[in-house]
């Protein structure tokens, strides 16, 4: 009965988000001119599953304990993969990404501990905004990379507006803003025990 309840469309969408992560990483580093475009499309599709899984679960009365745990975990796996991909492409500096990843690992550890002990970590509204900002930032930067890669392939001399320096500066501004949101939302969980409650 529990397996059947967990095997619903919202949870399948969440699992799809995790499953698309290695596909994204493959496209990100494949040695082909369309790689960045493919990575952008896969990441954007995976991000859309985050938009729909929670809404479908609430609308269809399909919210489960497993889904409440898995959804934020899937978000963190996808976002971490996206940020690491941008670091390896030399679009974002490691020092901006490491605190974001450490925060997410810490909160995931707390969430897992609570889940194993029958306590649920509630996702704050600020944390939802943080996740949305992370996804939008990575999607936009991947889009710029995809456009730049396509321009290089079609017209190697046309890359002016999307020069590496321009993308680098924009990426650092956006990820720095995301870092601030990430740190603030992490501190919320650490100073407010009210974010934990007994599982229903």
N, C-alpha and C. Protein backbone atom coordinates (compact mmCIF):
# COMPACT_ATOMS: atom_id res chain seq x y z
N UNK A 1 0.84 -1.21 0.00
CA UNK A 1 0.00 0.00 0.00
C UNK A 1 0.87 1.25 0.00
N UNK A 2 1.96 1.24 0.84
CA UNK A 2 2.86 2.38 0.89
C UNK A 2 3.57 2.57 -0.45
N UNK A 3 4.01 1.46 -1.06
CA UNK A 3 4.67 1.54 -2.36
C UNK A 3 3.74 2.12 -3.41
N UNK A 4 2.48 1.69 -3.40
CA UNK A 4 1.52 2.19 -4.38
C UNK A 4 1.26 3.67 -4.16
N UNK A 5 1.18 4.08 -2.89
CA UNK A 5 0.92 5.50 -2.60
C UNK A 5 2.11 6.36 -3.02
N UNK A 6 3.33 5.84 -2.83
CA UNK A 6 4.52 6.60 -3.19
C UNK A 6 4.73 6.65 -4.71
N UNK A 7 4.24 5.64 -5.41
CA UNK A 7 4.44 5.58 -6.86
C UNK A 7 3.37 6.40 -7.58
N UNK A 8 3.34 7.69 -7.26
CA UNK A 8 2.38 8.57 -7.92
C UNK A 8 3.12 9.51 -8.87
N UNK A 9 2.36 10.25 -9.67
CA UNK A 9 2.97 11.11 -10.68
C UNK A 9 3.90 12.17 -10.09
N UNK A 10 3.52 12.86 -9.02
CA UNK A 10 4.45 13.86 -8.46
C UNK A 10 5.79 13.26 -8.05
N UNK A 11 5.76 12.10 -7.38
CA UNK A 11 7.02 11.49 -6.97
C UNK A 11 7.82 11.00 -8.17
N UNK A 12 7.13 10.53 -9.21
CA UNK A 12 7.82 10.10 -10.42
C UNK A 12 8.50 11.29 -11.11
N UNK A 13 7.85 12.45 -11.07
CA UNK A 13 8.48 13.64 -11.62
C UNK A 13 9.72 14.02 -10.82
N UNK A 14 9.64 13.87 -9.51
CA UNK A 14 10.80 14.16 -8.67
C UNK A 14 11.94 13.20 -8.98
N UNK A 15 11.63 11.92 -9.12
CA UNK A 15 12.65 10.93 -9.49
C UNK A 15 13.21 11.22 -10.88
N UNK A 16 12.37 11.71 -11.78
CA UNK A 16 12.85 12.07 -13.12
C UNK A 16 13.88 13.19 -13.03
N UNK A 17 13.67 14.13 -12.11
CA UNK A 17 14.62 15.22 -11.94
C UNK A 17 15.99 14.68 -11.55
N UNK A 18 16.00 13.69 -10.66
CA UNK A 18 17.27 13.07 -10.28
C UNK A 18 17.86 12.30 -11.45
N UNK A 19 17.01 11.59 -12.18
CA UNK A 19 17.49 10.79 -13.31
C UNK A 19 18.04 11.64 -14.44
N UNK A 20 17.53 12.85 -14.61
CA UNK A 20 18.02 13.73 -15.67
C UNK A 20 19.36 14.37 -15.33
N UNK A 21 19.75 14.35 -14.07
CA UNK A 21 20.99 15.00 -13.66
C UNK A 21 22.22 14.42 -14.35
N UNK A 22 22.42 13.08 -14.36
CA UNK A 22 23.58 12.55 -15.10
C UNK A 22 23.50 12.81 -16.60
N UNK A 23 22.29 12.86 -17.14
CA UNK A 23 22.14 13.19 -18.57
C UNK A 23 22.63 14.61 -18.82
N UNK A 24 22.25 15.52 -17.92
CA UNK A 24 22.72 16.90 -18.02
C UNK A 24 24.24 16.97 -17.98
N UNK A 25 24.85 16.27 -17.02
CA UNK A 25 26.31 16.30 -16.89
C UNK A 25 26.99 15.74 -18.13
N UNK A 26 26.41 14.70 -18.71
CA UNK A 26 26.98 14.14 -19.94
C UNK A 26 26.95 15.17 -21.06
N UNK A 27 25.80 15.82 -21.24
CA UNK A 27 25.68 16.81 -22.30
C UNK A 27 26.59 18.01 -22.03
N UNK A 28 26.78 18.33 -20.77
CA UNK A 28 27.61 19.48 -20.42
C UNK A 28 29.06 19.28 -20.86
N UNK A 29 29.53 18.05 -20.79
CA UNK A 29 30.94 17.81 -21.05
C UNK A 29 31.20 17.00 -22.32
N UNK A 30 30.16 16.69 -23.08
CA UNK A 30 30.36 15.94 -24.32
C UNK A 30 31.14 16.81 -25.32
N UNK A 31 32.01 16.16 -26.07
CA UNK A 31 32.85 16.89 -27.02
C UNK A 31 32.11 17.05 -28.35
N UNK A 32 31.11 17.93 -28.34
CA UNK A 32 30.33 18.21 -29.54
C UNK A 32 29.81 19.64 -29.44
N UNK A 33 29.62 20.29 -30.57
CA UNK A 33 29.23 21.71 -30.55
C UNK A 33 27.85 21.93 -29.95
N UNK A 34 27.01 20.89 -29.97
CA UNK A 34 25.65 21.02 -29.45
C UNK A 34 25.55 20.63 -27.97
N UNK A 35 26.67 20.34 -27.35
CA UNK A 35 26.64 19.85 -25.97
C UNK A 35 26.00 20.82 -24.99
N UNK A 36 26.41 22.09 -25.05
CA UNK A 36 25.87 23.07 -24.10
C UNK A 36 24.39 23.32 -24.37
N UNK A 37 23.99 23.27 -25.64
CA UNK A 37 22.57 23.42 -25.95
C UNK A 37 21.77 22.27 -25.38
N UNK A 38 22.30 21.07 -25.51
CA UNK A 38 21.62 19.90 -24.95
C UNK A 38 21.57 19.97 -23.43
N UNK A 39 22.66 20.44 -22.82
CA UNK A 39 22.69 20.56 -21.35
C UNK A 39 21.65 21.57 -20.89
N UNK A 40 21.53 22.68 -21.61
CA UNK A 40 20.52 23.68 -21.27
C UNK A 40 19.12 23.09 -21.33
N UNK A 41 18.81 22.37 -22.41
CA UNK A 41 17.47 21.81 -22.57
C UNK A 41 17.16 20.78 -21.48
N UNK A 42 18.12 19.93 -21.17
CA UNK A 42 17.90 18.90 -20.14
C UNK A 42 17.71 19.55 -18.78
N UNK A 43 18.55 20.55 -18.46
CA UNK A 43 18.43 21.20 -17.16
C UNK A 43 17.11 21.95 -17.06
N UNK A 44 16.71 22.62 -18.14
CA UNK A 44 15.43 23.35 -18.13
C UNK A 44 14.27 22.39 -17.93
N UNK A 45 14.30 21.24 -18.60
CA UNK A 45 13.25 20.24 -18.44
C UNK A 45 13.22 19.72 -17.00
N UNK A 46 14.38 19.44 -16.45
CA UNK A 46 14.45 18.96 -15.07
C UNK A 46 13.92 20.02 -14.10
N UNK A 47 14.21 21.28 -14.38
CA UNK A 47 13.72 22.36 -13.52
C UNK A 47 12.21 22.46 -13.55
N UNK A 48 11.61 22.19 -14.71
CA UNK A 48 10.15 22.24 -14.83
C UNK A 48 9.49 21.18 -13.95
N UNK A 49 10.16 20.04 -13.77
CA UNK A 49 9.55 19.01 -12.91
C UNK A 49 9.44 19.51 -11.47
N UNK A 50 10.35 20.41 -11.06
CA UNK A 50 10.25 20.98 -9.72
C UNK A 50 9.05 21.92 -9.62
N UNK A 51 8.71 22.57 -10.72
CA UNK A 51 7.57 23.48 -10.73
C UNK A 51 6.26 22.70 -10.59
N UNK A 52 6.20 21.50 -11.18
CA UNK A 52 4.93 20.79 -11.25
C UNK A 52 4.73 19.73 -10.16
N UNK A 53 5.80 19.10 -9.66
CA UNK A 53 5.58 17.95 -8.78
C UNK A 53 4.83 18.32 -7.49
N UNK A 54 5.24 19.42 -6.86
CA UNK A 54 4.56 19.83 -5.63
C UNK A 54 3.12 20.27 -5.87
N UNK A 55 2.91 20.99 -6.96
CA UNK A 55 1.56 21.46 -7.27
C UNK A 55 0.63 20.29 -7.56
N UNK A 56 1.12 19.33 -8.32
CA UNK A 56 0.29 18.15 -8.62
C UNK A 56 0.01 17.34 -7.36
N UNK A 57 1.00 17.24 -6.47
CA UNK A 57 0.81 16.47 -5.24
C UNK A 57 -0.27 17.11 -4.37
N UNK A 58 -0.23 18.44 -4.24
CA UNK A 58 -1.22 19.11 -3.41
C UNK A 58 -2.61 19.10 -4.06
N UNK A 59 -2.63 19.31 -5.38
CA UNK A 59 -3.92 19.35 -6.08
C UNK A 59 -4.60 17.99 -6.08
N UNK A 60 -3.81 16.92 -6.16
CA UNK A 60 -4.39 15.57 -6.23
C UNK A 60 -4.37 14.84 -4.90
N UNK A 61 -4.09 15.57 -3.81
CA UNK A 61 -4.02 14.94 -2.49
C UNK A 61 -3.07 13.75 -2.49
N UNK A 62 -1.90 13.95 -3.09
CA UNK A 62 -0.91 12.88 -3.22
C UNK A 62 0.39 13.22 -2.50
N UNK A 63 0.30 14.08 -1.50
CA UNK A 63 1.49 14.43 -0.72
C UNK A 63 1.86 13.25 0.16
N UNK A 64 3.12 12.80 0.08
CA UNK A 64 3.57 11.67 0.88
C UNK A 64 4.82 12.06 1.68
N UNK A 65 5.07 11.29 2.71
CA UNK A 65 6.28 11.51 3.52
C UNK A 65 7.52 11.35 2.65
N UNK A 66 7.52 10.35 1.80
CA UNK A 66 8.64 10.10 0.90
C UNK A 66 8.84 11.29 -0.05
N UNK A 67 7.75 11.80 -0.60
CA UNK A 67 7.83 12.92 -1.52
C UNK A 67 8.33 14.19 -0.86
N UNK A 68 7.90 14.44 0.38
CA UNK A 68 8.36 15.64 1.11
C UNK A 68 9.86 15.58 1.35
N UNK A 69 10.39 14.37 1.53
CA UNK A 69 11.83 14.22 1.72
C UNK A 69 12.58 14.29 0.39
N UNK A 70 12.03 13.64 -0.64
CA UNK A 70 12.75 13.49 -1.90
C UNK A 70 12.80 14.79 -2.70
N UNK A 71 11.75 15.60 -2.66
CA UNK A 71 11.68 16.80 -3.50
C UNK A 71 12.84 17.76 -3.27
N UNK A 72 13.10 18.20 -2.02
CA UNK A 72 14.23 19.11 -1.82
C UNK A 72 15.58 18.44 -2.10
N UNK A 73 15.66 17.12 -1.87
CA UNK A 73 16.90 16.40 -2.18
C UNK A 73 17.18 16.44 -3.68
N UNK A 74 16.14 16.22 -4.48
CA UNK A 74 16.29 16.27 -5.94
C UNK A 74 16.71 17.65 -6.40
N UNK A 75 16.14 18.69 -5.77
CA UNK A 75 16.53 20.06 -6.11
C UNK A 75 18.02 20.27 -5.88
N UNK A 76 18.49 19.83 -4.73
CA UNK A 76 19.89 20.06 -4.37
C UNK A 76 20.82 19.28 -5.29
N UNK A 77 20.45 18.06 -5.66
CA UNK A 77 21.28 17.26 -6.57
C UNK A 77 21.40 17.97 -7.92
N UNK A 78 20.28 18.44 -8.44
CA UNK A 78 20.28 19.10 -9.74
C UNK A 78 21.05 20.41 -9.70
N UNK A 79 20.78 21.25 -8.71
CA UNK A 79 21.45 22.55 -8.61
C UNK A 79 22.96 22.36 -8.42
N UNK A 80 23.35 21.43 -7.57
CA UNK A 80 24.77 21.18 -7.35
C UNK A 80 25.46 20.76 -8.63
N UNK A 81 24.82 19.88 -9.40
CA UNK A 81 25.38 19.45 -10.68
C UNK A 81 25.53 20.63 -11.62
N UNK A 82 24.51 21.50 -11.67
CA UNK A 82 24.57 22.66 -12.54
C UNK A 82 25.69 23.61 -12.16
N UNK A 83 25.84 23.89 -10.87
CA UNK A 83 26.89 24.80 -10.41
C UNK A 83 28.27 24.22 -10.65
N UNK A 84 28.42 22.92 -10.39
CA UNK A 84 29.72 22.28 -10.63
C UNK A 84 30.06 22.31 -12.11
N UNK A 85 29.05 22.09 -12.96
CA UNK A 85 29.29 22.19 -14.40
C UNK A 85 29.78 23.56 -14.80
N UNK A 86 29.20 24.61 -14.21
CA UNK A 86 29.62 25.98 -14.52
C UNK A 86 31.04 26.26 -14.01
N UNK A 87 31.40 25.65 -12.88
CA UNK A 87 32.76 25.81 -12.36
C UNK A 87 33.77 25.19 -13.32
N UNK A 88 33.50 23.97 -13.77
CA UNK A 88 34.42 23.28 -14.67
C UNK A 88 34.51 23.95 -16.03
N UNK A 89 33.46 24.70 -16.38
CA UNK A 89 33.50 25.46 -17.63
C UNK A 89 34.12 26.84 -17.43
N UNK A 90 34.61 27.11 -16.21
CA UNK A 90 35.28 28.37 -15.87
C UNK A 90 34.36 29.58 -16.06
N UNK A 91 33.08 29.36 -15.76
CA UNK A 91 32.11 30.45 -15.81
C UNK A 91 31.93 31.06 -14.42
N UNK A 92 32.03 30.23 -13.39
CA UNK A 92 31.86 30.66 -12.00
C UNK A 92 33.06 30.16 -11.19
N UNK A 93 33.51 30.98 -10.26
CA UNK A 93 34.63 30.59 -9.41
C UNK A 93 34.19 29.60 -8.34
N UNK A 94 35.11 28.71 -8.00
CA UNK A 94 34.83 27.68 -7.01
C UNK A 94 34.44 28.27 -5.66
N UNK A 95 35.04 29.40 -5.29
CA UNK A 95 34.81 29.95 -3.95
C UNK A 95 33.37 30.41 -3.75
N UNK A 96 32.66 30.71 -4.85
CA UNK A 96 31.25 31.06 -4.74
C UNK A 96 30.36 29.83 -4.61
N UNK A 97 30.78 28.74 -5.21
CA UNK A 97 29.95 27.54 -5.27
C UNK A 97 30.10 26.68 -4.02
N UNK A 98 31.31 26.60 -3.48
CA UNK A 98 31.55 25.73 -2.33
C UNK A 98 30.63 26.03 -1.14
N UNK A 99 30.43 27.31 -0.73
CA UNK A 99 29.52 27.56 0.39
C UNK A 99 28.08 27.14 0.09
N UNK A 100 27.64 27.29 -1.15
CA UNK A 100 26.28 26.87 -1.52
C UNK A 100 26.14 25.37 -1.36
N UNK A 101 27.13 24.63 -1.86
CA UNK A 101 27.09 23.17 -1.77
C UNK A 101 27.17 22.72 -0.32
N UNK A 102 28.05 23.34 0.47
CA UNK A 102 28.19 22.96 1.88
C UNK A 102 26.90 23.22 2.65
N UNK A 103 26.25 24.35 2.37
CA UNK A 103 24.97 24.64 3.03
C UNK A 103 23.96 23.57 2.70
N UNK A 104 23.86 23.20 1.41
CA UNK A 104 22.86 22.22 1.00
C UNK A 104 23.17 20.84 1.55
N UNK A 105 24.44 20.48 1.63
CA UNK A 105 24.81 19.19 2.23
C UNK A 105 24.44 19.16 3.70
N UNK A 106 24.70 20.27 4.41
CA UNK A 106 24.38 20.35 5.84
C UNK A 106 22.88 20.22 6.08
N UNK A 107 22.08 20.97 5.32
CA UNK A 107 20.63 20.93 5.50
C UNK A 107 20.09 19.56 5.10
N UNK A 108 20.65 18.96 4.06
CA UNK A 108 20.22 17.61 3.66
C UNK A 108 20.53 16.60 4.76
N UNK A 109 21.67 16.76 5.42
CA UNK A 109 22.01 15.89 6.53
C UNK A 109 21.01 16.02 7.67
N UNK A 110 20.65 17.26 8.01
CA UNK A 110 19.65 17.49 9.06
C UNK A 110 18.29 16.94 8.66
N UNK A 111 17.93 17.14 7.38
CA UNK A 111 16.64 16.64 6.90
C UNK A 111 16.60 15.11 6.95
N UNK A 112 17.70 14.48 6.55
CA UNK A 112 17.77 13.02 6.57
C UNK A 112 17.69 12.49 7.99
N UNK A 113 18.41 13.14 8.90
CA UNK A 113 18.37 12.73 10.31
C UNK A 113 16.95 12.81 10.85
N UNK A 114 16.28 13.93 10.56
CA UNK A 114 14.90 14.06 11.03
C UNK A 114 13.98 13.04 10.41
N UNK A 115 14.15 12.79 9.12
CA UNK A 115 13.30 11.82 8.41
C UNK A 115 13.46 10.42 8.99
N UNK A 116 14.69 10.05 9.32
CA UNK A 116 14.95 8.73 9.89
C UNK A 116 14.40 8.60 11.30
N UNK A 117 14.19 9.72 11.97
CA UNK A 117 13.67 9.72 13.34
C UNK A 117 12.22 10.19 13.41
N UNK A 118 11.53 10.12 12.28
CA UNK A 118 10.10 10.42 12.26
C UNK A 118 9.76 11.88 12.40
N UNK A 119 10.72 12.75 12.06
CA UNK A 119 10.45 14.18 12.13
C UNK A 119 10.69 14.80 10.76
N UNK A 120 9.81 15.70 10.39
CA UNK A 120 9.86 16.33 9.08
C UNK A 120 10.45 17.73 9.18
N UNK A 121 11.41 18.05 8.29
CA UNK A 121 11.91 19.42 8.22
C UNK A 121 11.05 20.17 7.21
N UNK A 122 10.35 21.17 7.69
CA UNK A 122 9.51 21.96 6.80
C UNK A 122 10.37 22.86 5.91
N UNK A 123 9.96 23.02 4.67
CA UNK A 123 10.66 23.90 3.74
C UNK A 123 10.08 25.30 3.87
N UNK A 124 10.90 26.26 4.26
CA UNK A 124 10.42 27.63 4.46
C UNK A 124 10.14 28.29 3.11
N UNK A 125 9.33 29.33 3.15
CA UNK A 125 9.03 30.07 1.91
C UNK A 125 10.30 30.70 1.35
N UNK A 126 11.16 31.18 2.24
CA UNK A 126 12.42 31.78 1.79
C UNK A 126 13.29 30.75 1.09
N UNK A 127 13.29 29.52 1.61
CA UNK A 127 14.07 28.45 0.98
C UNK A 127 13.53 28.12 -0.40
N UNK A 128 12.20 28.20 -0.57
CA UNK A 128 11.62 27.98 -1.90
C UNK A 128 12.07 29.07 -2.87
N UNK A 129 12.11 30.30 -2.39
CA UNK A 129 12.59 31.38 -3.25
C UNK A 129 14.06 31.15 -3.60
N UNK A 130 14.82 30.67 -2.64
CA UNK A 130 16.24 30.40 -2.87
C UNK A 130 16.41 29.35 -3.96
N UNK A 131 15.64 28.27 -3.87
CA UNK A 131 15.72 27.22 -4.88
C UNK A 131 15.33 27.74 -6.26
N UNK A 132 14.26 28.53 -6.31
CA UNK A 132 13.84 29.11 -7.58
C UNK A 132 14.94 30.00 -8.16
N UNK A 133 15.58 30.80 -7.31
CA UNK A 133 16.66 31.68 -7.77
C UNK A 133 17.84 30.86 -8.28
N UNK A 134 18.16 29.77 -7.59
CA UNK A 134 19.25 28.90 -8.04
C UNK A 134 18.96 28.32 -9.41
N UNK A 135 17.75 27.79 -9.58
CA UNK A 135 17.40 27.16 -10.85
C UNK A 135 17.38 28.17 -11.99
N UNK A 136 16.78 29.34 -11.74
CA UNK A 136 16.72 30.38 -12.78
C UNK A 136 18.12 30.83 -13.16
N UNK A 137 18.98 31.00 -12.18
CA UNK A 137 20.36 31.44 -12.44
C UNK A 137 21.10 30.44 -13.32
N UNK A 138 21.02 29.16 -12.95
CA UNK A 138 21.74 28.14 -13.72
C UNK A 138 21.14 28.02 -15.13
N UNK A 139 19.82 28.06 -15.23
CA UNK A 139 19.18 27.97 -16.55
C UNK A 139 19.63 29.12 -17.44
N UNK A 140 19.64 30.34 -16.92
CA UNK A 140 20.03 31.49 -17.71
C UNK A 140 21.49 31.39 -18.16
N UNK A 141 22.38 30.99 -17.26
CA UNK A 141 23.79 30.90 -17.61
C UNK A 141 24.02 29.77 -18.62
N UNK A 142 23.30 28.69 -18.48
CA UNK A 142 23.41 27.61 -19.46
C UNK A 142 22.90 28.06 -20.83
N UNK A 143 21.85 28.86 -20.82
CA UNK A 143 21.32 29.39 -22.08
C UNK A 143 22.37 30.26 -22.77
N UNK A 144 23.03 31.14 -22.01
CA UNK A 144 24.06 31.99 -22.59
C UNK A 144 25.21 31.15 -23.14
N UNK A 145 25.59 30.09 -22.41
CA UNK A 145 26.64 29.20 -22.90
C UNK A 145 26.23 28.51 -24.19
N UNK A 146 24.97 28.07 -24.24
CA UNK A 146 24.47 27.38 -25.43
C UNK A 146 24.48 28.32 -26.64
N UNK A 147 24.03 29.56 -26.43
CA UNK A 147 24.02 30.53 -27.52
C UNK A 147 25.45 30.83 -27.97
N UNK A 148 26.33 31.01 -27.02
CA UNK A 148 27.73 31.30 -27.36
C UNK A 148 28.37 30.16 -28.12
N UNK A 149 28.10 28.94 -27.70
CA UNK A 149 28.65 27.77 -28.38
C UNK A 149 28.12 27.67 -29.81
N UNK A 150 26.82 27.92 -29.98
CA UNK A 150 26.23 27.88 -31.31
C UNK A 150 26.81 28.97 -32.20
N UNK A 151 27.02 30.17 -31.63
CA UNK A 151 27.61 31.25 -32.40
C UNK A 151 29.03 30.92 -32.83
N UNK A 152 29.79 30.31 -31.93
CA UNK A 152 31.15 29.89 -32.26
C UNK A 152 31.13 28.89 -33.43
N UNK A 153 30.14 28.00 -33.40
CA UNK A 153 30.07 26.96 -34.43
C UNK A 153 29.65 27.54 -35.78
N UNK A 154 28.66 28.43 -35.76
CA UNK A 154 28.13 28.97 -37.01
C UNK A 154 28.95 30.15 -37.54
N UNK A 155 29.36 31.04 -36.63
CA UNK A 155 30.12 32.22 -37.04
C UNK A 155 31.17 32.52 -35.96
N UNK A 156 32.34 31.93 -36.10
CA UNK A 156 33.38 32.09 -35.06
C UNK A 156 33.76 33.53 -34.77
N UNK A 157 33.52 34.44 -35.71
CA UNK A 157 33.90 35.83 -35.50
C UNK A 157 32.76 36.70 -34.96
N UNK A 158 31.61 36.09 -34.66
CA UNK A 158 30.43 36.86 -34.26
C UNK A 158 30.26 36.97 -32.75
N UNK A 159 31.13 36.35 -31.99
CA UNK A 159 30.97 36.33 -30.54
C UNK A 159 31.49 37.64 -29.94
N UNK A 160 30.62 38.64 -29.85
CA UNK A 160 31.02 39.93 -29.31
C UNK A 160 30.30 40.17 -27.97
N UNK A 161 28.97 40.23 -28.04
CA UNK A 161 28.19 40.50 -26.84
C UNK A 161 28.35 39.41 -25.79
N UNK A 162 28.47 38.16 -26.27
CA UNK A 162 28.58 37.05 -25.33
C UNK A 162 30.03 36.62 -25.15
N UNK A 163 30.92 37.57 -25.15
CA UNK A 163 32.32 37.25 -24.91
C UNK A 163 32.49 36.64 -23.53
N UNK A 164 33.54 35.87 -23.35
CA UNK A 164 33.76 35.15 -22.09
C UNK A 164 33.76 36.10 -20.90
N UNK A 165 34.36 37.27 -21.04
CA UNK A 165 34.43 38.22 -19.92
C UNK A 165 33.05 38.69 -19.52
N UNK A 166 32.17 38.91 -20.49
CA UNK A 166 30.82 39.37 -20.18
C UNK A 166 30.04 38.31 -19.40
N UNK A 167 30.10 37.09 -19.89
CA UNK A 167 29.40 35.99 -19.23
C UNK A 167 29.97 35.76 -17.84
N UNK A 168 31.28 35.85 -17.71
CA UNK A 168 31.95 35.63 -16.43
C UNK A 168 31.49 36.64 -15.38
N UNK A 169 31.43 37.90 -15.76
CA UNK A 169 31.00 38.95 -14.82
C UNK A 169 29.54 38.75 -14.43
N UNK A 170 28.67 38.53 -15.43
CA UNK A 170 27.26 38.32 -15.15
C UNK A 170 27.04 37.10 -14.25
N UNK A 171 27.77 36.03 -14.54
CA UNK A 171 27.63 34.80 -13.75
C UNK A 171 28.01 35.05 -12.29
N UNK A 172 29.06 35.80 -12.05
CA UNK A 172 29.50 36.03 -10.68
C UNK A 172 28.52 36.92 -9.92
N UNK A 173 27.94 37.89 -10.59
CA UNK A 173 26.94 38.73 -9.93
C UNK A 173 25.73 37.89 -9.52
N UNK A 174 25.24 37.07 -10.46
CA UNK A 174 24.05 36.27 -10.20
C UNK A 174 24.30 35.22 -9.13
N UNK A 175 25.42 34.52 -9.22
CA UNK A 175 25.70 33.46 -8.24
C UNK A 175 26.01 34.05 -6.87
N UNK A 176 26.61 35.23 -6.83
CA UNK A 176 26.83 35.90 -5.54
C UNK A 176 25.51 36.22 -4.86
N UNK A 177 24.53 36.68 -5.64
CA UNK A 177 23.20 36.95 -5.08
C UNK A 177 22.56 35.67 -4.58
N UNK A 178 22.72 34.59 -5.34
CA UNK A 178 22.19 33.29 -4.93
C UNK A 178 22.86 32.83 -3.64
N UNK A 179 24.16 33.07 -3.53
CA UNK A 179 24.90 32.68 -2.33
C UNK A 179 24.33 33.38 -1.09
N UNK A 180 24.01 34.66 -1.21
CA UNK A 180 23.44 35.39 -0.08
C UNK A 180 22.10 34.77 0.33
N UNK A 181 21.24 34.50 -0.64
CA UNK A 181 19.95 33.87 -0.34
C UNK A 181 20.15 32.49 0.29
N UNK A 182 21.12 31.75 -0.22
CA UNK A 182 21.36 30.39 0.28
C UNK A 182 21.82 30.42 1.73
N UNK A 183 22.72 31.32 2.06
CA UNK A 183 23.23 31.41 3.43
C UNK A 183 22.12 31.84 4.39
N UNK A 184 21.33 32.84 3.99
CA UNK A 184 20.24 33.31 4.85
C UNK A 184 19.23 32.19 5.11
N UNK A 185 18.85 31.47 4.05
CA UNK A 185 17.87 30.39 4.24
C UNK A 185 18.45 29.27 5.09
N UNK A 186 19.75 29.01 4.97
CA UNK A 186 20.37 27.99 5.81
C UNK A 186 20.37 28.38 7.27
N UNK A 187 20.64 29.65 7.55
CA UNK A 187 20.62 30.13 8.93
C UNK A 187 19.23 30.03 9.54
N UNK A 188 18.20 30.20 8.71
CA UNK A 188 16.82 30.06 9.20
C UNK A 188 16.62 28.68 9.82
N UNK A 189 17.07 27.66 9.13
CA UNK A 189 16.87 26.29 9.63
C UNK A 189 17.65 26.04 10.91
N UNK A 190 18.82 26.65 11.02
CA UNK A 190 19.68 26.38 12.17
C UNK A 190 19.20 27.10 13.44
N UNK A 191 18.50 28.24 13.28
CA UNK A 191 18.11 29.02 14.46
C UNK A 191 16.64 28.87 14.80
N UNK A 192 15.86 28.17 13.94
CA UNK A 192 14.42 28.04 14.20
C UNK A 192 14.03 26.56 14.25
N UNK A 193 14.01 25.96 15.44
CA UNK A 193 13.61 24.56 15.56
C UNK A 193 12.17 24.33 15.12
N UNK A 194 11.40 25.41 14.97
CA UNK A 194 10.00 25.26 14.57
C UNK A 194 9.87 24.68 13.17
N UNK A 195 10.98 24.69 12.42
CA UNK A 195 10.93 24.13 11.08
C UNK A 195 10.86 22.60 11.12
N UNK A 196 10.99 22.01 12.31
CA UNK A 196 10.87 20.57 12.46
C UNK A 196 9.55 20.24 13.15
N UNK A 197 8.89 19.22 12.67
CA UNK A 197 7.66 18.76 13.33
C UNK A 197 7.55 17.25 13.18
N UNK A 198 6.76 16.64 14.03
CA UNK A 198 6.56 15.20 13.93
C UNK A 198 5.84 14.86 12.64
N UNK A 199 6.28 13.77 11.99
CA UNK A 199 5.61 13.34 10.76
C UNK A 199 4.19 12.87 11.05
N UNK A 200 3.28 13.23 10.14
CA UNK A 200 1.91 12.78 10.29
C UNK A 200 1.80 11.32 9.90
